[in-house]
Protein backbone atom coordinates (compact mmCIF):
# COMPACT_ATOMS: atom_id res chain seq x y z
CA MET A 1 20.30 -22.69 1.89
CA MET A 2 21.16 -19.71 4.11
CA PRO A 3 24.04 -17.67 2.65
CA LYS A 4 27.30 -18.09 4.53
CA LYS A 5 28.86 -14.88 3.24
CA LEU A 6 27.61 -11.56 1.97
CA GLU A 7 28.41 -12.35 -1.67
CA GLU A 8 25.82 -15.15 -1.53
CA PHE A 9 23.06 -12.88 -0.23
CA VAL A 10 20.28 -12.48 -2.82
CA GLY A 11 18.29 -9.26 -3.15
CA GLN A 12 18.18 -5.85 -1.45
CA ASN A 13 20.42 -4.20 -4.04
CA HIS A 14 19.11 -0.79 -2.95
CA LEU A 15 20.93 -1.39 0.36
CA LEU A 16 23.85 -3.60 -0.66
CA GLY A 17 24.53 -2.34 -4.17
CA GLU A 18 27.40 -0.10 -5.15
CA ASN A 19 25.78 3.06 -3.73
CA GLY A 20 23.77 1.36 -1.01
CA PRO A 21 23.98 2.59 2.62
CA ILE A 22 24.70 -0.87 4.05
CA ARG A 23 27.50 -1.33 1.53
CA ALA A 24 28.96 2.01 2.66
CA MET A 25 28.89 0.93 6.31
CA ILE A 26 30.73 -2.25 5.42
CA GLN A 27 33.39 -0.25 3.60
CA HIS A 28 33.82 1.99 6.65
CA GLY A 29 34.02 -1.07 8.87
CA ARG A 30 31.37 0.22 11.23
CA ILE A 31 27.63 -0.21 11.59
CA HIS A 32 25.13 1.82 13.56
CA SER A 33 21.91 0.81 15.28
CA LEU A 34 19.19 0.16 12.76
CA ILE A 35 15.90 -1.49 11.93
CA PHE A 36 15.36 -3.92 9.08
CA TYR A 37 11.72 -3.52 8.13
CA GLY A 38 10.16 -5.79 5.53
CA PRO A 39 8.03 -8.84 4.74
CA PRO A 40 8.79 -12.35 6.04
CA ALA A 41 11.75 -14.25 4.57
CA CYS A 42 13.32 -11.28 2.79
CA GLY A 43 16.64 -11.66 4.62
CA LYS A 44 16.40 -9.45 7.71
CA THR A 45 17.91 -11.91 10.20
CA THR A 46 20.44 -13.31 7.74
CA LEU A 47 21.70 -9.86 6.79
CA ALA A 48 22.16 -8.90 10.45
CA GLU A 49 24.17 -12.05 11.12
CA LEU A 50 26.31 -11.57 8.01
CA LEU A 51 27.10 -7.94 8.91
CA SER A 52 28.12 -8.92 12.42
CA LYS A 53 30.29 -11.76 11.13
CA LEU A 54 31.89 -9.66 8.41
CA LEU A 55 32.81 -6.82 10.77
CA GLU A 56 33.73 -9.22 13.62
CA TYR A 57 31.22 -7.80 16.10
CA PRO A 58 30.03 -10.05 18.94
CA PHE A 59 26.50 -11.16 18.10
CA VAL A 60 23.57 -11.89 20.44
CA ARG A 61 20.15 -12.83 19.13
CA VAL A 62 16.91 -12.60 21.12
CA HIS A 63 13.22 -12.81 20.25
CA ALA A 64 11.11 -9.91 21.45
CA SER A 65 8.12 -12.05 22.41
CA VAL A 66 10.03 -14.20 24.92
CA VAL A 67 13.04 -12.20 26.15
CA SER A 68 12.72 -11.04 29.77
CA ASN A 69 13.91 -7.87 31.45
CA GLU A 70 16.54 -9.88 33.32
CA GLU A 71 17.91 -11.40 30.11
CA ILE A 72 18.15 -7.98 28.50
CA LYS A 73 19.97 -6.56 31.53
CA THR A 74 22.42 -9.50 31.51
CA ILE A 75 23.20 -8.96 27.83
CA LEU A 76 23.73 -5.24 28.36
CA ASP A 77 25.94 -5.79 31.41
CA GLN A 78 28.14 -8.21 29.47
CA ALA A 79 28.40 -5.72 26.60
CA HIS A 80 29.44 -2.89 28.91
CA SER A 81 33.15 -2.12 29.17
CA PRO A 82 35.10 0.94 30.34
CA SER A 83 37.47 0.55 27.39
CA LEU A 84 36.66 2.84 24.47
CA THR A 85 38.37 0.46 22.04
CA THR A 86 36.14 -2.49 22.82
CA THR A 87 34.06 -3.57 19.87
CA PRO A 88 30.35 -3.07 20.57
CA THR A 89 28.05 -6.08 20.73
CA VAL A 90 25.40 -6.47 18.08
CA VAL A 91 22.12 -7.23 19.85
CA PHE A 92 19.67 -8.53 17.28
CA VAL A 93 16.02 -8.37 18.36
CA ASP A 94 13.74 -10.44 16.14
CA GLU A 95 10.18 -9.15 15.79
CA ILE A 96 11.13 -6.02 17.68
CA HIS A 97 7.58 -4.68 17.26
CA ARG A 98 6.59 -7.13 20.04
CA LEU A 99 8.98 -5.51 22.50
CA THR A 100 7.06 -3.67 25.23
CA LYS A 101 7.83 -0.04 25.95
CA PRO A 102 9.63 -0.73 29.27
CA LYS A 103 11.85 -3.29 27.51
CA GLN A 104 12.55 -0.82 24.71
CA ASP A 105 13.67 1.70 27.32
CA LEU A 106 16.28 -0.74 28.70
CA PHE A 107 18.36 -0.43 25.54
CA LEU A 108 18.58 3.37 25.43
CA ALA A 109 21.52 3.96 27.80
CA SER A 110 23.67 1.19 26.31
CA MET A 111 23.05 2.55 22.82
CA GLU A 112 24.03 6.04 23.95
CA GLU A 113 27.25 4.76 25.56
CA GLY A 114 28.19 2.75 22.47
CA ASP A 115 28.19 -0.59 24.28
CA ILE A 116 25.79 -2.13 21.80
CA VAL A 117 24.58 -1.83 18.25
CA LEU A 118 20.89 -2.64 18.26
CA ILE A 119 19.51 -4.25 15.12
CA GLY A 120 15.80 -4.94 15.06
CA ALA A 121 13.82 -6.94 12.54
CA THR A 122 10.13 -6.29 12.01
CA THR A 123 7.34 -6.88 9.55
CA GLU A 124 5.39 -3.94 11.02
CA ASN A 125 5.90 -0.26 10.29
CA PRO A 126 8.50 0.95 12.86
CA TYR A 127 6.94 4.42 12.87
CA PHE A 128 3.78 2.85 14.31
CA VAL A 129 5.18 0.24 16.70
CA LEU A 130 8.34 1.73 18.23
CA GLN A 131 8.32 4.46 20.83
CA PRO A 132 9.89 7.77 19.68
CA ALA A 133 12.84 7.66 22.12
CA LEU A 134 14.08 4.37 20.66
CA ARG A 135 13.12 5.15 17.07
CA SER A 136 15.09 8.40 17.12
CA ARG A 137 18.29 6.45 17.86
CA LEU A 138 17.81 4.02 14.98
CA PHE A 139 18.11 4.22 11.23
CA ILE A 140 15.27 2.47 9.42
CA TYR A 141 15.94 0.48 6.26
CA GLU A 142 13.08 -1.11 4.36
CA LEU A 143 13.80 -4.49 2.81
CA LYS A 144 11.78 -5.46 -0.23
CA PRO A 145 10.26 -8.82 -1.22
CA HIS A 146 12.38 -10.94 -3.53
CA THR A 147 11.57 -10.46 -7.17
CA ARG A 148 10.60 -13.44 -9.28
CA GLU A 149 14.10 -13.63 -10.75
CA GLU A 150 15.70 -13.42 -7.31
CA LEU A 151 13.50 -16.32 -6.18
CA ARG A 152 14.62 -18.19 -9.28
CA THR A 153 18.25 -17.62 -8.30
CA ILE A 154 17.59 -19.08 -4.85
CA LEU A 155 15.72 -22.03 -6.34
CA HIS A 156 18.52 -22.85 -8.80
CA ARG A 157 21.06 -22.54 -6.01
CA ALA A 158 19.14 -25.18 -4.06
CA PHE A 159 19.51 -27.65 -6.92
CA GLU A 160 23.18 -26.77 -7.32
CA ARG A 161 24.18 -27.03 -3.65
CA ASP A 162 21.83 -29.32 -1.78
CA GLU A 163 23.36 -32.78 -1.38
CA PHE A 164 20.00 -34.52 -1.06
CA LEU A 165 18.68 -33.04 -4.31
CA GLN A 166 21.88 -33.98 -6.12
CA LYS A 167 21.95 -37.48 -4.69
CA MET A 168 18.37 -38.19 -5.72
CA LYS A 169 18.87 -36.40 -9.06
CA VAL A 170 15.58 -34.59 -8.66
CA GLU A 171 14.31 -32.74 -11.72
CA LEU A 172 11.84 -29.87 -11.89
CA THR A 173 9.94 -29.40 -15.15
CA PRO A 174 9.91 -25.87 -16.64
CA ASN A 175 6.16 -25.55 -16.07
CA ALA A 176 6.57 -26.70 -12.48
CA GLU A 177 9.32 -24.13 -11.91
CA GLU A 178 7.18 -21.28 -13.20
CA TYR A 179 4.22 -22.47 -11.14
CA LEU A 180 6.35 -22.74 -8.00
CA LEU A 181 7.64 -19.21 -8.50
CA SER A 182 4.14 -17.87 -9.08
CA VAL A 183 2.60 -19.36 -5.91
CA SER A 184 5.55 -18.63 -3.59
CA GLN A 185 5.15 -15.43 -1.61
CA ASP A 186 8.73 -15.68 -0.40
CA ALA A 187 11.83 -17.87 -0.49
CA ARG A 188 10.91 -19.78 2.67
CA ILE A 189 7.54 -20.83 1.26
CA MET A 190 9.18 -21.75 -2.03
CA LEU A 191 11.83 -23.99 -0.47
CA ASN A 192 9.34 -25.56 1.94
CA THR A 193 7.01 -26.35 -0.95
CA LEU A 194 9.89 -27.84 -2.90
CA GLU A 195 10.85 -30.00 0.09
CA MET A 196 7.26 -31.17 0.55
CA ALA A 197 7.05 -32.00 -3.15
CA ILE A 198 10.13 -34.22 -2.87
CA LEU A 199 8.91 -35.94 0.29
CA THR A 200 5.57 -36.76 -1.31
CA LEU A 201 7.07 -38.23 -4.49
CA PRO A 202 7.27 -42.03 -4.80
CA LEU A 203 10.76 -43.43 -4.26
CA GLN A 204 12.24 -43.80 -7.71
CA GLU A 205 15.30 -42.99 -9.76
CA ASN A 206 15.52 -39.45 -11.13
CA PRO A 207 12.19 -38.30 -9.67
CA THR A 208 10.52 -35.47 -11.57
CA ILE A 209 8.41 -32.76 -9.97
CA THR A 210 5.57 -31.66 -12.27
CA GLN A 211 3.19 -28.75 -12.07
CA GLU A 212 0.34 -31.16 -11.35
CA HIS A 213 2.19 -32.52 -8.34
CA LEU A 214 2.88 -29.03 -7.01
CA GLU A 215 -0.75 -28.02 -7.51
CA ALA A 216 -1.81 -30.94 -5.32
CA ILE A 217 0.35 -29.88 -2.37
CA ALA A 218 0.93 -26.14 -2.71
CA ARG A 219 -0.89 -24.22 -0.03
CA LYS A 220 -3.07 -21.25 -0.75
CA PRO A 221 -0.82 -18.23 -1.39
CA ASP A 222 -0.41 -15.92 1.58
CA THR A 223 -1.85 -12.48 0.84
CA ALA A 224 0.82 -10.83 3.05
CA TYR A 225 -1.84 -8.64 4.65
CA SER A 226 -0.25 -7.54 7.93
CA GLU A 227 -1.47 -4.78 10.21
CA ASP A 228 0.89 -2.47 8.37
CA MET A 229 -0.55 -3.51 4.99
CA HIS A 230 -4.05 -2.85 6.32
CA TYR A 231 -3.27 0.86 6.15
CA ASP A 232 -1.34 0.72 2.88
CA VAL A 233 -3.94 -1.29 0.97
CA ILE A 234 -6.94 0.77 2.05
CA SER A 235 -4.96 3.90 1.17
CA ALA A 236 -4.21 2.53 -2.31
CA PHE A 237 -7.85 1.45 -2.68
CA ILE A 238 -9.21 4.91 -1.88
CA LYS A 239 -6.65 6.62 -4.11
CA SER A 240 -7.50 4.29 -6.99
CA VAL A 241 -11.21 5.11 -6.72
CA ARG A 242 -10.38 8.81 -6.41
CA GLY A 243 -8.13 8.46 -9.45
CA SER A 244 -10.95 6.90 -11.54
CA ASP A 245 -9.18 3.56 -12.03
CA PRO A 246 -11.83 0.86 -11.39
CA ASP A 247 -9.49 -2.03 -12.18
CA ALA A 248 -6.87 -0.97 -9.66
CA ALA A 249 -9.62 -0.34 -7.10
CA LEU A 250 -11.01 -3.84 -7.66
CA TYR A 251 -7.53 -5.31 -7.26
CA TYR A 252 -7.15 -3.75 -3.81
CA LEU A 253 -10.75 -4.59 -2.93
CA ALA A 254 -10.14 -8.26 -3.76
CA TRP A 255 -6.90 -8.21 -1.77
CA MET A 256 -8.72 -6.91 1.29
CA ILE A 257 -11.63 -9.35 0.98
CA GLU A 258 -9.35 -12.33 0.44
CA SER A 259 -7.24 -11.28 3.45
CA GLY A 260 -10.23 -11.21 5.78
CA GLU A 261 -10.63 -7.44 6.07
CA ASP A 262 -13.85 -6.31 7.75
CA PRO A 263 -16.25 -5.52 4.85
CA LEU A 264 -17.94 -2.82 6.93
CA PHE A 265 -14.58 -1.05 7.26
CA ILE A 266 -14.36 -0.95 3.46
CA ALA A 267 -17.97 0.23 3.16
CA ARG A 268 -17.40 3.02 5.68
CA ARG A 269 -14.45 4.30 3.69
CA LEU A 270 -16.58 4.31 0.54
CA VAL A 271 -19.20 6.46 2.30
CA ILE A 272 -16.50 8.96 3.29
CA LEU A 273 -15.05 8.92 -0.22
CA ALA A 274 -18.46 9.55 -1.78
CA ALA A 275 -18.74 12.84 0.12
CA GLU A 276 -15.09 13.86 0.02
CA ASP A 277 -14.04 13.00 -3.52
CA ILE A 278 -17.23 12.80 -5.60
CA GLY A 279 -19.48 15.19 -3.76
CA LEU A 280 -21.65 17.49 -5.82
CA ALA A 281 -20.35 16.24 -9.14
CA TYR A 282 -22.63 13.23 -8.57
CA PRO A 283 -24.72 13.81 -5.42
CA GLU A 284 -26.32 10.36 -5.71
CA ALA A 285 -22.93 8.85 -4.75
CA LEU A 286 -23.46 9.50 -1.03
CA PRO A 287 -26.87 7.78 -0.68
CA ILE A 288 -25.61 4.93 -2.88
CA ALA A 289 -22.54 4.44 -0.67
CA THR A 290 -24.72 4.65 2.43
CA ALA A 291 -27.04 2.01 0.95
CA CYS A 292 -23.95 -0.10 0.25
CA TYR A 293 -22.96 0.07 3.93
CA ASP A 294 -26.46 -0.95 5.04
CA ALA A 295 -26.60 -3.81 2.53
CA VAL A 296 -23.16 -5.13 3.51
CA ASN A 297 -24.16 -4.93 7.17
CA ASN A 298 -27.40 -6.85 6.57
CA ILE A 299 -26.09 -9.46 4.12
CA GLY A 300 -22.43 -10.08 4.95
CA LEU A 301 -19.87 -12.05 2.99
CA PRO A 302 -19.58 -13.75 0.57
CA GLU A 303 -22.46 -11.97 -1.21
CA ALA A 304 -21.39 -8.57 0.14
CA ARG A 305 -18.39 -8.73 -2.19
CA ILE A 306 -20.77 -8.05 -5.12
CA ILE A 307 -22.26 -5.00 -3.42
CA LEU A 308 -18.81 -3.64 -2.61
CA SER A 309 -17.70 -4.31 -6.18
CA GLU A 310 -20.68 -2.52 -7.72
CA THR A 311 -20.26 0.51 -5.47
CA THR A 312 -16.51 0.63 -6.02
CA ILE A 313 -16.88 0.55 -9.81
CA LEU A 314 -19.57 3.23 -9.76
CA LEU A 315 -17.62 5.58 -7.50
CA ALA A 316 -14.46 5.07 -9.54
CA THR A 317 -16.18 5.93 -12.84
CA VAL A 318 -18.39 8.93 -12.00
CA PRO A 319 -17.15 12.56 -12.15
CA LYS A 320 -15.19 13.77 -9.15
CA SER A 321 -15.35 16.91 -7.03
CA ASN A 322 -13.83 17.77 -3.66
CA SER A 323 -15.48 21.20 -3.48
CA ALA A 324 -17.63 20.35 -0.43
CA TYR A 325 -14.59 18.98 1.41
CA LEU A 326 -12.52 22.10 0.66
CA ALA A 327 -15.39 24.47 1.44
CA ILE A 328 -16.09 23.19 4.95
CA ASP A 329 -12.38 23.15 5.81
CA ARG A 330 -12.07 26.76 4.67
CA ALA A 331 -15.09 27.72 6.74
CA LEU A 332 -13.76 25.91 9.82
CA GLU A 333 -10.38 27.59 9.45
CA HIS A 334 -12.13 30.96 9.21
CA ILE A 335 -14.11 30.31 12.41
CA ARG A 336 -10.97 29.18 14.23
CA SER A 337 -8.79 32.07 13.15
CA GLU A 338 -11.21 35.02 13.30
CA LYS A 339 -13.68 36.24 15.86
CA PRO A 340 -17.24 35.22 14.89
CA GLN A 341 -19.01 38.22 13.36
CA GLY A 342 -22.44 37.40 14.74
CA VAL A 343 -25.78 37.09 12.94
CA PRO A 344 -27.49 39.96 11.08
CA GLN A 345 -30.63 41.23 12.79
CA HIS A 346 -32.96 40.37 9.89
CA LEU A 347 -31.85 36.69 10.08
CA ARG A 348 -32.17 36.22 13.82
CA GLU A 349 -34.96 34.25 15.48
CA SER A 350 -38.15 36.31 15.53
CA HIS A 351 -40.88 33.90 16.71
CA PHE A 352 -41.11 35.03 20.31
CA VAL A 353 -42.89 37.80 22.17
CA GLY A 354 -40.97 41.04 22.00
CA ALA A 355 -38.82 39.99 19.03
CA LYS A 356 -39.86 42.96 16.90
CA SER A 357 -39.12 45.40 19.69
CA LEU A 358 -35.59 44.08 19.63
CA GLY A 359 -35.35 44.48 15.87
CA ARG A 360 -35.25 40.74 15.25
CA GLY A 361 -36.32 39.58 11.79
CA ILE A 362 -37.20 43.04 10.51
CA GLY A 363 -36.29 43.43 6.82
CA TYR A 364 -35.97 39.71 6.05
CA LYS A 365 -37.04 38.84 2.50
CA TYR A 366 -38.64 35.41 2.04
CA PRO A 367 -37.02 33.94 -1.13
CA HIS A 368 -40.11 31.94 -2.14
CA ASP A 369 -42.01 35.18 -2.65
CA TYR A 370 -39.71 36.20 -5.52
CA PRO A 371 -39.08 34.97 -9.09
CA ASN A 372 -36.89 31.87 -9.26
CA HIS A 373 -37.36 31.64 -5.47
CA TYR A 374 -34.39 33.92 -5.05
CA VAL A 375 -33.86 37.47 -3.83
CA HIS A 376 -30.58 39.25 -3.24
CA GLN A 377 -29.91 40.05 0.41
CA SER A 378 -26.97 39.82 2.81
CA TYR A 379 -26.72 36.69 4.93
CA THR A 380 -23.57 37.67 6.85
CA LEU A 381 -22.43 40.91 8.43
CA LYS A 382 -19.27 40.78 6.36
CA PRO A 383 -18.90 38.97 3.01
CA VAL A 384 -17.33 35.50 3.18
CA HIS A 385 -16.35 33.07 0.43
CA PHE A 386 -15.59 29.38 0.92
CA TYR A 387 -17.22 27.39 -1.89
CA ASP A 388 -15.79 27.21 -5.41
CA ALA A 389 -17.95 25.10 -7.69
CA GLY A 390 -16.42 22.31 -9.74
CA GLU A 391 -16.79 21.97 -13.48
CA LEU A 392 -17.91 18.33 -13.80
CA GLY A 393 -21.14 16.36 -13.70
CA PHE A 394 -24.14 17.61 -11.76
CA GLU A 395 -22.07 20.30 -10.11
CA GLN A 396 -21.69 22.04 -13.47
CA ARG A 397 -25.47 22.38 -13.59
CA LEU A 398 -25.43 23.78 -10.06
CA LYS A 399 -22.76 26.27 -11.06
CA ASN A 400 -24.71 27.39 -14.11
CA TRP A 401 -27.82 27.89 -12.00
CA MET A 402 -25.98 29.91 -9.36
CA ASP A 403 -24.29 32.01 -12.04
CA ARG A 404 -27.72 32.70 -13.52
CA LEU A 405 -29.17 33.76 -10.17
CA HIS A 406 -26.25 35.91 -9.15
CA GLY A 407 -25.75 37.34 -12.62
CA LYS A 408 -29.18 38.97 -12.61
CA PRO A 409 -29.95 39.49 -8.92
CA ASN A 410 -33.54 40.14 -7.99
CA THR A 411 -33.42 42.86 -5.39
CA GLY A 412 -37.03 43.50 -4.50
CA GLU A 413 -40.04 42.82 -6.76
CA LYS A 414 -42.15 39.92 -5.58
CA LYS A 415 -43.64 37.42 -8.03
């Protein structure tokens, strides 16, 4: 069912559509070195082959996990020519993220001289897995998963073009079609499942594939949780909790759990979030998140999913404040950018022989001796300001209390 020409290629309209960059390269009759980055079975290899065929470039395909240094050098030597009019060779490297750094370096000179056009395919984020020298010479295009309707187009094309399906007069019930589309992560899984369904049907005239038959053979859907997605999903999870959307947070939590993510990794991120994004608006969030980490560590999955769920829902629904996070960063920036001002004499350590003769501790006012356990005095040589109180939850009460203390400062009379 692989497309034989570009017009048969399904999907990636953002690249191949009227204003797409790949479409523009085709119109100019020239392609540059690039990376196709996207999930499995979205068309990376097929698109590279079609581009090479359409523009009549010589095409060489290698797999990064098995190609040797000698093979790469042979390919590059064959592509090299002193003639400036020679068409460059397209060298397609499948799973280019598996290419070691020394092997990546082998391509650099040939790319610079125009002997080759390097096209890499990867399911991993190229910004993480490719060394900067190679990445800077490539344009990165992200391919997207097929939509449900694009998968439907591919499925219908199979029934229209496959000789075996036509010969057997196989039928797919509407419910079975919708089920097949729903459980298929990509076109390859969909067509493989369809093939398995046919091979497991009894030999008969006009065999019909039902939803029940597909349910019996369809494998558990792949969660598509690659190393790249590890970072994307945890990022979306944290941002959903921060954004007070418990349902979205639970969606990403379930995705991570189902994909085999380390539950302690999730719990650690919740502890950080409790301090960074909830903070003083609900101070109980930090000990609750810490207790969640301890419980997950002691209990483990599958029961730990309940603990993670409870903590996630709580942190997503309580008031938020990042005042502590902002305050410490402001203070750190101040320490880094300005010379430390020192410690006032009345605050310095005074519990040693000779401290008073040095002026240490003289004039210090003990706050507990004064009304409201507060007395106005300077705690720095020069005034500093880092903390701005939030307006939500418990922090509002803290703000009101501080405003009350500072609004009527007690300057000297003890209680």
